[in-house]
Amino acid sequence: MSDQNFDLVVLGAGSGGYAAALRASQLGMSVGLIEKNKVGGTCLHVGCIPTKALLHAAEIADAARDSETFGVKATLEGIDIPGVTKYRESIVSSKHRGLQGLIKARGITTIEGEGRLTSPTTVQVGDDTITGKNVILATGSYSRTLPGLEIGGRVITSEQALQLDHVPKKVAVLGGGVIGVEFSSVWRSFGAEVHIIEALPHLVPMEDEAISKLFERAYRKRGIEFTLGKRFQGVTQDDNGVVVTLDDGTTIEADILLVAVGRGPSTAGLGFEEVGVEMDRGFVLTNERLETSIPGLYAVGDIVPGLQLAHRGFQHGIFVAEELAGLGPVVIDDVTVPKVTYSEPEVASVGLTEAKAKEVHGDDAIASYDYNLAGNGKSHILETSGIIKVIRVKDGPVVGVHMIGARVGEQIGEAQLIVNWDAYPEDIAPLLHAHPTQNEALGEAFLALAGKPLHSA
């Protein structure tokens, strides 16, 4: 048994945990970083990075398949899953090594093993007691399932989907949110038949309704089937596949069922409640400065209610480190956090949807404009379609930007600045956007919203 003492102990080395550790070390604190698996967490090893590598491989497959459209003679001979896996794992491995090196270079002590909170200032890891003047809980999330729906065999989560050694012929996907539609996009590009089941009225249901409708149209055009507004009833499986039954009696047959119904907070059995941390359905409740019900004990990332995004957790970690250093960082509001779905087409948004903006400010106080990418030269070159939708308070700031089309995720940076800085369309209209870029579409949209449309009435 041994005791180790630090200025800060971080339980969990995912996006939020390692960001907190790095920033705290930079600010002169001694840091103990506890992780039961690998530093980098879900995002690096089984989430953001490997899935986006798959999506890029899928994009290459589509480019080869459609090459004659651009006057290039190429053929798609097939999908080499071992080759895709090697490519994907090389990226993850490289990023993991880089992160390990950075943590070591910053003098952060990495403690391997499963930690359990035993007091507001101590975490037990095996026989060792790790003590910090402050502790950050950053234990991340896991793939949820539904009551009575057991994972196993041909019923899989996204983690198992990454490990498949073949392209299934037909896939049923339970859940039309980000994870479900991204894997659906990959499998369709790889040649599989896909059927998505979503209980809510739209795919990507957290997005603006106009974006969801265009997304559904794009998926329908790609040959991706989906059933909306119907609930999962049950599934049976045998050596040949699965049969999914919905609440209206409809059945869907497939080789596998991907369960993509969201992620839950990884907090069970870690001592949080026993120590007195206030919880709600497994989530850790905090104030706006991410402090739990126990002074000096903080929580970040997916275990804090709200958006479950790696970059939100990352910024949470930086925020708490700076808070502990007395720097008074700006509170992170989920409405200002950018969201991207990396499917084909991509979806990117920041701020309020039109419905939410009207709810907050009143129906008559909101103005919006949809700029069609058909008028954008670079989008035409890329053979993509979609819109840039911008929402403002009349005679007031921009409160939402919503986009759909190839590569629109790369445009979210400017949109985030506009929303976060409460910019008016009139402030943005004079700014130049390079030609020909998709970024011009943002400029055109704000010109129109400022009353200066160039390419529309």
Protein backbone atom coordinates (compact mmCIF):
# COMPACT_ATOMS: atom_id res chain seq x y z
CA MET A 1 0.00 0.00 0.00
CA SER A 2 1.13 3.54 -0.72
CA ASP A 3 -0.11 7.10 -0.53
CA GLN A 4 0.37 9.55 -3.35
CA ASN A 5 -0.42 13.25 -2.94
CA PHE A 6 -1.10 15.82 -5.66
CA ASP A 7 -2.55 19.28 -6.08
CA LEU A 8 -5.10 17.73 -8.45
CA VAL A 9 -6.33 14.19 -8.96
CA VAL A 10 -8.26 13.44 -12.15
CA LEU A 11 -10.34 10.28 -12.30
CA GLY A 12 -10.54 9.34 -15.98
CA ALA A 13 -8.18 10.18 -18.84
CA GLY A 14 -10.61 10.77 -21.70
CA SER A 15 -11.03 14.12 -23.45
CA GLY A 16 -12.13 15.99 -20.32
CA GLY A 17 -9.72 14.30 -17.96
CA TYR A 18 -6.52 14.63 -19.96
CA ALA A 19 -7.35 18.22 -20.95
CA ALA A 20 -7.76 19.09 -17.26
CA ALA A 21 -4.48 17.37 -16.44
CA LEU A 22 -2.55 19.10 -19.21
CA ARG A 23 -3.87 22.57 -18.40
CA ALA A 24 -3.43 22.12 -14.64
CA SER A 25 0.16 21.01 -15.15
CA GLN A 26 0.75 24.02 -17.38
CA LEU A 27 -0.55 26.22 -14.54
CA GLY A 28 1.95 24.75 -12.08
CA MET A 29 -0.10 22.07 -10.34
CA SER A 30 1.09 18.55 -9.60
CA VAL A 31 -1.36 16.13 -11.23
CA GLY A 32 -2.27 12.47 -10.76
CA LEU A 33 -4.22 11.11 -13.75
CA ILE A 34 -6.06 7.83 -13.10
CA GLU A 35 -7.17 5.63 -16.01
CA LYS A 36 -8.28 1.98 -16.07
CA ASN A 37 -7.82 1.57 -19.84
CA LYS A 38 -5.86 3.82 -22.19
CA VAL A 39 -5.36 7.58 -22.00
CA GLY A 40 -7.50 9.24 -24.62
CA GLY A 41 -10.68 7.46 -23.60
CA THR A 42 -13.69 6.66 -25.77
CA CYS A 43 -13.12 9.43 -28.31
CA LEU A 44 -9.61 8.39 -29.27
CA HIS A 45 -9.95 4.61 -29.09
CA VAL A 46 -13.55 3.62 -29.93
CA GLY A 47 -15.35 6.86 -30.78
CA CYS A 48 -14.58 10.06 -32.66
CA ILE A 49 -11.21 9.23 -34.21
CA PRO A 50 -11.74 5.63 -35.43
CA THR A 51 -15.27 6.33 -36.70
CA LYS A 52 -14.14 9.39 -38.64
CA ALA A 53 -11.35 7.31 -40.16
CA LEU A 54 -14.03 4.84 -41.29
CA LEU A 55 -16.06 7.69 -42.72
CA HIS A 56 -13.06 8.93 -44.70
CA ALA A 57 -12.52 5.43 -46.09
CA ALA A 58 -16.20 5.45 -47.06
CA GLU A 59 -15.72 8.80 -48.80
CA ILE A 60 -12.84 7.32 -50.81
CA ALA A 61 -15.06 4.40 -51.81
CA ASP A 62 -17.78 6.78 -53.01
CA ALA A 63 -15.23 8.86 -54.92
CA ALA A 64 -13.97 5.77 -56.74
CA ARG A 65 -17.52 4.61 -57.46
CA ASP A 66 -18.50 8.02 -58.88
CA SER A 67 -15.20 8.92 -60.51
CA GLU A 68 -16.53 9.03 -64.08
CA THR A 69 -18.70 12.00 -63.09
CA PHE A 70 -15.44 13.95 -62.90
CA GLY A 71 -13.85 12.48 -66.00
CA VAL A 72 -11.61 10.10 -64.06
CA LYS A 73 -11.61 6.41 -64.96
CA ALA A 74 -11.38 4.41 -61.75
CA THR A 75 -13.05 1.27 -60.49
CA LEU A 76 -14.07 0.17 -57.02
CA GLU A 77 -12.97 -3.43 -56.76
CA GLY A 78 -14.24 -3.86 -53.23
CA ILE A 79 -13.71 -3.01 -49.58
CA ASP A 80 -10.66 -4.54 -47.91
CA ILE A 81 -11.76 -4.50 -44.27
CA PRO A 82 -8.35 -5.63 -42.93
CA GLY A 83 -6.82 -2.76 -44.91
CA VAL A 84 -9.40 -0.30 -43.57
CA THR A 85 -8.74 -1.57 -40.04
CA LYS A 86 -4.97 -1.18 -40.47
CA TYR A 87 -5.45 2.41 -41.67
CA ARG A 88 -7.84 3.21 -38.82
CA GLU A 89 -5.68 1.64 -36.12
CA SER A 90 -2.54 3.38 -37.38
CA ILE A 91 -4.20 6.75 -36.81
CA VAL A 92 -5.42 5.80 -33.33
CA SER A 93 -2.03 4.35 -32.39
CA SER A 94 -0.19 7.46 -33.58
CA LYS A 95 -2.47 9.80 -31.67
CA HIS A 96 -2.25 7.62 -28.56
CA ARG A 97 1.55 7.65 -28.61
CA GLY A 98 1.55 11.41 -29.08
CA LEU A 99 -0.80 11.92 -26.15
CA GLN A 100 1.24 9.62 -23.91
CA GLY A 101 4.38 11.56 -24.79
CA LEU A 102 2.74 14.90 -24.08
CA ILE A 103 1.45 13.75 -20.69
CA LYS A 104 4.89 12.43 -19.75
CA ALA A 105 6.60 15.60 -20.94
CA ARG A 106 4.30 17.71 -18.75
CA GLY A 107 5.34 15.74 -15.66
CA ILE A 108 1.87 14.31 -15.07
CA THR A 109 1.78 11.06 -13.09
CA THR A 110 -0.37 8.46 -14.85
CA ILE A 111 -1.85 5.89 -12.48
CA GLU A 112 -3.15 2.74 -14.16
CA GLY A 113 -6.13 0.99 -12.64
CA GLU A 114 -9.78 1.44 -11.76
CA GLY A 115 -10.29 4.26 -9.31
CA ARG A 116 -13.04 4.57 -6.71
CA LEU A 117 -13.87 7.83 -4.95
CA THR A 118 -13.54 7.28 -1.19
CA SER A 119 -13.77 10.87 0.04
CA PRO A 120 -13.96 14.34 -1.55
CA THR A 121 -10.16 14.35 -1.74
CA THR A 122 -9.17 10.68 -2.15
CA VAL A 123 -9.43 8.02 -4.84
CA GLN A 124 -8.58 4.38 -4.13
CA VAL A 125 -6.77 2.49 -6.90
CA GLY A 126 -6.16 -1.09 -5.78
CA ASP A 127 -4.15 -0.85 -2.55
CA ASP A 128 -3.05 2.73 -3.26
CA THR A 129 -4.71 5.88 -1.92
CA ILE A 130 -4.41 8.84 -4.26
CA THR A 131 -5.01 12.18 -2.53
CA GLY A 132 -5.59 15.58 -4.12
CA LYS A 133 -6.28 19.05 -2.82
CA ASN A 134 -8.98 18.89 -5.48
CA VAL A 135 -10.49 16.01 -7.46
CA ILE A 136 -12.09 16.04 -10.92
CA LEU A 137 -14.49 13.26 -11.90
CA ALA A 138 -14.10 12.53 -15.62
CA THR A 139 -15.20 8.91 -16.00
CA GLY A 140 -16.91 9.25 -19.39
CA SER A 141 -19.76 7.26 -20.89
CA TYR A 142 -20.81 3.88 -22.27
CA SER A 143 -23.08 2.69 -25.09
CA ARG A 144 -26.63 2.52 -23.81
CA THR A 145 -29.17 -0.12 -24.68
CA LEU A 146 -32.92 -0.35 -24.08
CA PRO A 147 -34.65 -2.20 -21.23
CA GLY A 148 -34.78 -5.88 -22.09
CA LEU A 149 -32.50 -5.50 -25.13
CA GLU A 150 -29.38 -7.53 -24.48
CA ILE A 151 -26.17 -6.88 -26.37
CA GLY A 152 -24.55 -10.02 -27.76
CA GLY A 153 -24.18 -12.15 -30.86
CA ARG A 154 -25.63 -10.26 -33.81
CA VAL A 155 -26.90 -7.42 -31.60
CA ILE A 156 -23.98 -5.02 -31.27
CA THR A 157 -22.99 -1.53 -30.17
CA SER A 158 -20.66 0.90 -31.94
CA GLU A 159 -17.64 -0.59 -30.14
CA GLN A 160 -18.32 -4.03 -31.63
CA ALA A 161 -19.18 -2.47 -35.00
CA LEU A 162 -15.63 -1.15 -35.22
CA GLN A 163 -14.29 -4.68 -34.81
CA LEU A 164 -16.33 -6.33 -37.58
CA ASP A 165 -14.07 -8.19 -40.02
CA HIS A 166 -16.53 -7.99 -42.91
CA VAL A 167 -19.11 -5.74 -44.50
CA PRO A 168 -22.57 -7.08 -43.61
CA LYS A 169 -25.04 -7.40 -46.48
CA LYS A 170 -27.88 -5.81 -44.56
CA VAL A 171 -27.86 -3.83 -41.33
CA ALA A 172 -30.64 -2.65 -39.04
CA VAL A 173 -29.70 0.42 -37.01
CA LEU A 174 -31.66 1.26 -33.88
CA GLY A 175 -31.34 5.01 -33.42
CA GLY A 176 -31.22 7.86 -35.93
CA GLY A 177 -28.96 10.16 -33.96
CA VAL A 178 -25.31 10.92 -34.67
CA ILE A 179 -23.85 7.45 -34.03
CA GLY A 180 -26.60 5.64 -35.92
CA VAL A 181 -26.49 7.80 -39.04
CA GLU A 182 -22.69 7.88 -39.17
CA PHE A 183 -22.38 4.08 -39.15
CA SER A 184 -25.27 3.90 -41.62
CA SER A 185 -23.35 6.23 -43.92
CA VAL A 186 -20.21 4.07 -43.72
CA TRP A 187 -22.01 0.79 -44.37
CA ARG A 188 -24.00 2.20 -47.28
CA SER A 189 -20.80 3.52 -48.89
CA PHE A 190 -19.26 0.09 -48.37
CA GLY A 191 -22.17 -1.51 -50.24
CA ALA A 192 -24.51 -2.69 -47.48
CA GLU A 193 -28.27 -2.27 -47.34
CA VAL A 194 -29.22 -0.19 -44.31
CA HIS A 195 -32.48 0.36 -42.44
CA ILE A 196 -32.58 2.92 -39.59
CA ILE A 197 -35.26 2.79 -36.89
CA GLU A 198 -35.94 6.05 -35.02
CA ALA A 199 -38.72 6.52 -32.47
CA LEU A 200 -38.80 10.30 -32.94
CA PRO A 201 -40.33 11.97 -36.02
CA HIS A 202 -37.00 12.74 -37.74
CA LEU A 203 -33.46 11.52 -38.30
CA VAL A 204 -30.83 13.65 -36.50
CA PRO A 205 -33.76 14.79 -34.32
CA MET A 206 -31.72 17.26 -32.26
CA GLU A 207 -31.08 19.41 -35.34
CA ASP A 208 -33.26 22.13 -36.85
CA GLU A 209 -36.29 20.56 -38.52
CA ALA A 210 -35.38 21.98 -41.95
CA ILE A 211 -31.97 20.29 -41.72
CA SER A 212 -33.51 16.97 -40.61
CA LYS A 213 -35.89 16.97 -43.57
CA LEU A 214 -33.09 17.61 -46.06
CA PHE A 215 -31.01 14.94 -44.36
CA GLU A 216 -33.81 12.40 -44.78
CA ARG A 217 -34.15 13.33 -48.43
CA ALA A 218 -30.40 12.82 -48.94
CA TYR A 219 -30.45 9.43 -47.21
CA ARG A 220 -33.48 8.34 -49.21
CA LYS A 221 -31.59 9.31 -52.40
CA ARG A 222 -28.61 7.22 -51.21
CA GLY A 223 -30.89 4.21 -50.81
CA ILE A 224 -30.79 4.19 -47.02
CA GLU A 225 -34.15 3.09 -45.66
CA PHE A 226 -35.58 4.42 -42.42
CA THR A 227 -38.66 4.08 -40.27
CA LEU A 228 -39.63 7.10 -38.17
CA GLY A 229 -41.99 7.51 -35.24
CA LYS A 230 -42.08 3.77 -34.45
CA ARG A 231 -40.71 2.18 -31.29
CA PHE A 232 -38.58 -0.91 -30.97
CA GLN A 233 -40.52 -3.88 -29.60
CA GLY A 234 -38.03 -6.76 -29.69
CA VAL A 235 -35.43 -8.71 -31.63
CA THR A 236 -34.72 -12.35 -32.25
CA GLN A 237 -31.54 -13.76 -33.73
CA ASP A 238 -30.18 -17.01 -35.12
CA ASP A 239 -27.24 -18.12 -37.23
CA ASN A 240 -28.70 -16.40 -40.29
CA GLY A 241 -29.44 -12.95 -38.89
CA VAL A 242 -31.82 -10.87 -36.81
CA VAL A 243 -35.50 -10.04 -37.00
CA VAL A 244 -36.45 -6.71 -35.43
CA THR A 245 -40.08 -6.12 -34.44
CA LEU A 246 -41.55 -2.63 -34.03
CA ASP A 247 -44.52 -1.57 -31.90
CA ASP A 248 -46.88 -1.60 -34.89
CA GLY A 249 -46.00 -5.21 -35.70
CA THR A 250 -43.65 -4.33 -38.58
CA THR A 251 -40.60 -6.59 -38.86
CA ILE A 252 -37.19 -5.81 -40.33
CA GLU A 253 -34.71 -8.54 -41.24
CA ALA A 254 -30.97 -7.96 -41.28
CA ASP A 255 -27.61 -9.61 -40.71
CA ILE A 256 -26.93 -7.55 -37.58
CA LEU A 257 -28.64 -4.95 -35.37
CA LEU A 258 -26.58 -1.94 -34.34
CA VAL A 259 -27.92 -0.45 -31.11
CA ALA A 260 -27.21 3.29 -31.24
CA VAL A 261 -29.63 4.78 -28.73
CA GLY A 262 -27.18 7.13 -27.05
CA ARG A 263 -24.60 6.98 -24.31
CA GLY A 264 -25.00 6.75 -20.55
CA PRO A 265 -22.75 8.16 -17.81
CA SER A 266 -20.09 5.77 -16.50
CA THR A 267 -20.58 6.42 -12.80
CA ALA A 268 -22.01 3.20 -11.32
CA GLY A 269 -19.99 1.56 -8.56
CA LEU A 270 -17.37 4.30 -8.37
CA GLY A 271 -18.31 5.58 -4.91
CA PHE A 272 -19.77 8.90 -5.99
CA GLU A 273 -23.11 8.57 -4.21
CA GLU A 274 -21.54 7.03 -1.11
CA VAL A 275 -19.32 10.09 -0.75
CA GLY A 276 -22.38 12.33 -1.05
CA VAL A 277 -22.22 13.55 -4.66
CA GLU A 278 -25.66 14.63 -5.85
CA MET A 279 -26.72 12.50 -8.84
CA ASP A 280 -29.62 12.22 -11.26
CA ARG A 281 -30.12 9.00 -13.26
CA GLY A 282 -26.39 8.33 -13.12
CA PHE A 283 -25.34 11.85 -14.11
CA VAL A 284 -23.32 14.03 -11.73
CA LEU A 285 -25.08 17.30 -10.97
CA THR A 286 -22.91 20.43 -10.91
CA ASN A 287 -23.35 24.17 -10.80
CA GLU A 288 -22.50 26.28 -13.85
CA ARG A 289 -18.86 26.26 -12.76
CA LEU A 290 -18.82 22.45 -12.83
CA GLU A 291 -18.48 22.07 -9.06
CA THR A 292 -20.47 19.19 -7.59
CA SER A 293 -22.62 19.34 -4.46
CA ILE A 294 -19.36 18.84 -2.52
CA PRO A 295 -17.14 21.97 -2.51
CA GLY A 296 -13.79 21.40 -4.21
CA LEU A 297 -14.98 18.30 -6.09
CA TYR A 298 -15.67 18.84 -9.80
CA ALA A 299 -17.08 16.86 -12.74
CA VAL A 300 -16.54 17.25 -16.47
CA GLY A 301 -17.58 15.75 -19.79
CA ASP A 302 -20.18 13.09 -20.50
CA ILE A 303 -21.10 12.50 -16.86
CA VAL A 304 -22.40 16.10 -16.60
CA PRO A 305 -25.95 16.50 -18.01
CA GLY A 306 -26.01 18.07 -21.47
CA LEU A 307 -24.33 17.51 -24.81
CA GLN A 308 -22.09 14.44 -24.87
CA LEU A 309 -19.34 15.65 -27.17
CA ALA A 310 -15.59 15.21 -26.87
CA HIS A 311 -14.84 18.89 -27.46
CA ARG A 312 -17.33 19.90 -24.75
CA GLY A 313 -15.55 17.58 -22.29
CA PHE A 314 -12.17 18.89 -23.45
CA GLN A 315 -13.22 22.47 -22.77
CA HIS A 316 -14.77 21.44 -19.44
CA GLY A 317 -11.38 20.08 -18.38
CA ILE A 318 -9.56 23.29 -19.30
CA PHE A 319 -12.27 25.32 -17.55
CA VAL A 320 -11.92 23.50 -14.22
CA ALA A 321 -8.12 23.66 -14.28
CA GLU A 322 -8.31 27.43 -14.82
CA GLU A 323 -11.03 27.74 -12.18
CA LEU A 324 -8.79 26.04 -9.64
CA ALA A 325 -5.96 28.36 -10.62
CA GLY A 326 -8.16 31.38 -9.89
CA LEU A 327 -8.34 32.57 -13.50
CA GLY A 328 -12.15 32.92 -13.54
CA PRO A 329 -12.81 31.32 -16.95
CA VAL A 330 -15.99 32.07 -18.91
CA VAL A 331 -18.85 29.64 -18.18
CA ILE A 332 -19.45 27.07 -20.95
CA ASP A 333 -23.04 27.19 -22.21
CA ASP A 334 -24.15 24.14 -24.22
CA VAL A 335 -26.03 26.33 -26.71
CA THR A 336 -22.70 27.79 -27.85
CA VAL A 337 -21.06 24.38 -28.38
CA PRO A 338 -20.74 23.41 -32.08
CA LYS A 339 -22.11 20.05 -33.22
CA VAL A 340 -21.08 18.07 -36.32
CA THR A 341 -22.45 14.83 -37.76
CA TYR A 342 -19.80 13.40 -40.10
CA SER A 343 -22.09 11.46 -42.42
CA GLU A 344 -22.64 12.00 -46.13
CA PRO A 345 -23.99 14.64 -46.22
CA GLU A 346 -22.49 16.29 -43.16
CA VAL A 347 -24.55 18.31 -40.70
CA ALA A 348 -23.10 21.12 -38.59
CA SER A 349 -24.80 23.54 -36.23
CA VAL A 350 -24.32 25.94 -33.36
CA GLY A 351 -26.84 27.92 -31.35
CA LEU A 352 -30.62 27.73 -31.28
CA THR A 353 -32.86 25.95 -33.77
CA GLU A 354 -35.59 28.12 -35.26
CA ALA A 355 -38.22 26.46 -33.06
CA LYS A 356 -36.14 27.02 -29.92
CA ALA A 357 -35.33 30.61 -30.91
CA LYS A 358 -39.05 31.36 -31.26
CA GLU A 359 -39.71 29.70 -27.92
CA VAL A 360 -37.03 31.84 -26.24
CA HIS A 361 -37.55 35.17 -28.01
CA GLY A 362 -41.11 34.95 -29.39
CA ASP A 363 -42.41 34.03 -32.87
CA ASP A 364 -42.46 37.60 -34.14
CA ALA A 365 -38.97 38.39 -32.86
CA ILE A 366 -37.12 35.90 -35.08
CA ALA A 367 -35.96 36.10 -38.70
CA SER A 368 -34.25 33.31 -40.63
CA TYR A 369 -32.77 32.75 -44.07
CA ASP A 370 -31.91 29.56 -45.97
CA TYR A 371 -29.06 29.89 -48.48
CA ASN A 372 -29.15 27.05 -51.00
CA LEU A 373 -25.73 25.57 -51.78
CA ALA A 374 -26.83 25.30 -55.41
CA GLY A 375 -25.70 28.92 -55.69
CA ASN A 376 -22.23 28.19 -54.32
CA GLY A 377 -19.53 27.48 -56.88
CA LYS A 378 -17.35 25.21 -54.73
CA SER A 379 -20.36 23.16 -53.64
CA HIS A 380 -21.26 22.69 -57.31
CA ILE A 381 -17.69 21.55 -58.01
CA LEU A 382 -17.96 19.06 -55.16
CA GLU A 383 -21.34 17.84 -56.46
CA THR A 384 -23.00 18.49 -53.12
CA SER A 385 -26.32 20.05 -52.23
CA GLY A 386 -27.76 21.47 -49.03
CA ILE A 387 -28.38 24.73 -47.25
CA ILE A 388 -26.90 27.21 -44.80
CA LYS A 389 -29.67 28.33 -42.45
CA VAL A 390 -29.04 31.39 -40.30
CA ILE A 391 -31.32 32.64 -37.53
CA ARG A 392 -31.30 36.05 -35.90
CA VAL A 393 -33.29 38.11 -33.47
CA LYS A 394 -34.88 40.91 -35.52
CA ASP A 395 -32.68 43.98 -35.19
CA GLY A 396 -30.50 41.79 -32.97
CA PRO A 397 -27.74 39.17 -33.00
CA VAL A 398 -27.40 35.86 -34.79
CA VAL A 399 -28.59 33.08 -32.46
CA GLY A 400 -28.23 29.99 -34.66
CA VAL A 401 -26.40 28.64 -37.71
CA HIS A 402 -27.38 25.29 -39.24
CA MET A 403 -25.75 23.61 -42.25
CA ILE A 404 -26.08 20.48 -44.34
CA GLY A 405 -23.85 19.41 -47.24
CA ALA A 406 -20.46 17.86 -47.91
CA ARG A 407 -17.69 19.23 -45.68
CA VAL A 408 -19.87 21.75 -43.86
CA GLY A 409 -18.28 20.66 -40.59
CA GLU A 410 -15.23 22.65 -41.67
CA GLN A 411 -17.37 25.82 -41.69
CA ILE A 412 -18.54 25.58 -38.10
CA GLY A 413 -15.60 27.56 -36.70
CA GLU A 414 -16.75 30.88 -38.17
CA ALA A 415 -20.35 30.12 -37.25
CA GLN A 416 -19.30 29.45 -33.65
CA LEU A 417 -17.54 32.81 -33.42
CA ILE A 418 -20.58 34.61 -34.81
CA VAL A 419 -23.00 33.02 -32.33
CA ASN A 420 -20.66 33.21 -29.33
CA TRP A 421 -19.85 36.87 -29.94
CA ASP A 422 -23.50 37.86 -30.45
CA ALA A 423 -22.63 39.27 -33.86
CA TYR A 424 -25.24 41.00 -36.01
CA PRO A 425 -25.61 40.00 -39.69
CA GLU A 426 -24.74 43.62 -40.50
CA ASP A 427 -21.40 43.10 -38.73
CA ILE A 428 -20.59 40.07 -40.85
CA ALA A 429 -21.87 41.28 -44.23
CA PRO A 430 -18.81 43.48 -44.98
CA LEU A 431 -16.36 40.63 -44.28
CA LEU A 432 -14.73 38.98 -47.30
CA HIS A 433 -15.03 35.26 -47.93
CA ALA A 434 -12.51 33.76 -50.35
CA HIS A 435 -13.77 32.65 -53.76
CA PRO A 436 -14.45 29.92 -54.65
CA THR A 437 -15.02 28.32 -51.24
CA GLN A 438 -17.98 26.81 -49.45
CA ASN A 439 -17.24 29.43 -46.82
CA GLU A 440 -18.72 31.97 -49.25
CA ALA A 441 -22.12 30.41 -48.59
CA LEU A 442 -21.97 31.68 -45.02
CA GLY A 443 -21.13 35.15 -46.28
CA GLU A 444 -24.01 35.09 -48.76
CA ALA A 445 -26.43 33.94 -46.09
CA PHE A 446 -25.50 36.81 -43.80
CA LEU A 447 -25.64 39.31 -46.65
CA ALA A 448 -29.21 38.20 -47.26
CA LEU A 449 -30.14 38.33 -43.58
CA ALA A 450 -28.64 41.83 -43.39
CA GLY A 451 -30.95 42.90 -46.23
CA LYS A 452 -28.27 42.84 -48.96
CA PRO A 453 -28.94 39.63 -50.95
CA LEU A 454 -26.78 39.38 -54.07
CA HIS A 455 -27.96 36.10 -55.56
CA SER A 456 -31.56 35.97 -54.38
CA ALA A 457 -34.58 38.20 -54.23
